[in-house]
Amino acid sequence: MELHTGPFCTAVGETAIQKELDRLRGATEQACELGLQVAAGHGLHYENIRLVVKMVPGIVEYNIGHSIVARAFFVGMESAVREMKALLAFGTQIP
């Protein structure tokens, strides 16, 4: 199943962002309890993916193609993919 992360990505303010992270975490936990694999996407990019990776365990796939292609315009596809993989694997800053 895929979670729509648009409301998280457009949330403004710490309270609204935390509310959306809590919503995503709760949905992910329920899905995992039912034996479903969880994907997430819509609006994720190089800045906001860090919070989702850190705060919502259990997601097995992120749909972030648009962000990667847009970044590749500036740094090339290889670098864009490498940067995103680093964020997903470690939640680290872009090198």
Protein backbone atom coordinates (compact mmCIF):
# COMPACT_ATOMS: atom_id res chain seq x y z
CA MET A 1 0.00 0.00 0.00
CA GLU A 2 1.14 3.56 -0.60
CA LEU A 3 0.69 6.43 1.81
CA HIS A 4 0.02 9.85 0.33
CA THR A 5 2.60 12.18 1.87
CA GLY A 6 1.24 15.36 0.29
CA PRO A 7 -0.31 16.73 3.51
CA PHE A 8 3.01 16.22 5.31
CA CYS A 9 4.93 17.90 2.50
CA THR A 10 2.70 20.96 2.54
CA ALA A 11 2.33 21.24 6.32
CA VAL A 12 3.52 24.52 7.78
CA GLY A 13 4.72 24.87 11.35
CA GLU A 14 6.11 22.38 13.81
CA THR A 15 2.71 21.32 15.16
CA ALA A 16 1.23 20.64 11.72
CA ILE A 17 4.33 18.77 10.59
CA GLN A 18 4.32 16.63 13.74
CA LYS A 19 0.62 15.87 13.28
CA GLU A 20 1.26 14.59 9.76
CA LEU A 21 4.27 12.54 10.87
CA ASP A 22 2.12 10.98 13.60
CA ARG A 23 -0.56 10.21 11.02
CA LEU A 24 1.98 8.57 8.70
CA ARG A 25 3.54 6.60 11.55
CA GLY A 26 0.14 5.34 12.75
CA ALA A 27 -0.91 4.27 9.26
CA THR A 28 2.42 2.54 8.72
CA GLU A 29 2.15 0.66 12.01
CA GLN A 30 -1.40 -0.50 11.19
CA ALA A 31 -0.42 -1.61 7.70
CA CYS A 32 2.59 -3.54 8.99
CA GLU A 33 0.40 -5.24 11.61
CA LEU A 34 -1.83 -6.41 8.75
CA GLY A 35 1.18 -7.79 6.91
CA LEU A 36 1.24 -5.10 4.23
CA GLN A 37 4.34 -3.50 2.80
CA VAL A 38 4.23 0.29 2.94
CA ALA A 39 5.34 2.75 0.28
CA ALA A 40 5.13 6.52 0.56
CA GLY A 41 5.13 9.29 -1.97
CA HIS A 42 3.79 12.58 -3.34
CA GLY A 43 5.82 15.69 -2.68
CA LEU A 44 8.85 14.10 -1.03
CA HIS A 45 12.17 15.74 -1.83
CA TYR A 46 15.75 16.11 -0.62
CA GLU A 47 14.84 18.26 2.37
CA ASN A 48 11.69 16.67 3.79
CA ILE A 49 12.62 13.01 3.27
CA ARG A 50 14.93 13.14 6.31
CA LEU A 51 12.08 13.53 8.77
CA VAL A 52 10.04 10.72 7.24
CA VAL A 53 12.99 8.32 7.25
CA LYS A 54 13.82 9.20 10.86
CA MET A 55 10.31 9.40 12.30
CA VAL A 56 8.30 6.79 10.36
CA PRO A 57 9.92 3.36 10.53
CA GLY A 58 8.53 0.55 8.43
CA ILE A 59 8.28 2.23 5.04
CA VAL A 60 9.96 -0.02 2.47
CA GLU A 61 9.67 2.18 -0.65
CA TYR A 62 9.70 5.91 -1.33
CA ASN A 63 8.32 7.30 -4.57
CA ILE A 64 10.51 10.34 -5.15
CA GLY A 65 11.24 10.22 -8.87
CA HIS A 66 10.25 13.80 -9.67
CA SER A 67 12.60 15.21 -7.07
CA ILE A 68 15.50 13.08 -8.31
CA VAL A 69 14.97 14.04 -11.95
CA ALA A 70 14.74 17.74 -11.03
CA ARG A 71 17.96 17.53 -8.99
CA ALA A 72 19.67 15.66 -11.84
CA PHE A 73 19.22 18.72 -14.02
CA PHE A 74 21.80 20.46 -11.82
CA VAL A 75 24.13 17.68 -10.67
CA GLY A 76 23.57 14.79 -13.11
CA MET A 77 21.52 11.65 -12.60
CA GLU A 78 24.29 9.63 -10.97
CA SER A 79 24.91 12.26 -8.29
CA ALA A 80 21.20 12.89 -7.74
CA VAL A 81 20.53 9.21 -7.15
CA ARG A 82 23.60 8.82 -4.93
CA GLU A 83 22.52 11.78 -2.77
CA MET A 84 18.98 10.45 -2.32
CA LYS A 85 20.22 6.95 -1.52
CA ALA A 86 22.43 8.42 1.19
CA LEU A 87 19.45 10.25 2.69
CA LEU A 88 17.30 7.13 2.63
CA ALA A 89 19.98 4.86 4.05
CA PHE A 90 21.34 7.13 6.73
CA GLY A 91 19.10 10.20 6.99
CA THR A 92 22.25 12.25 6.55
CA GLN A 93 22.86 15.63 4.99
CA ILE A 94 23.45 15.82 1.26
CA PRO A 95 27.22 15.47 0.72
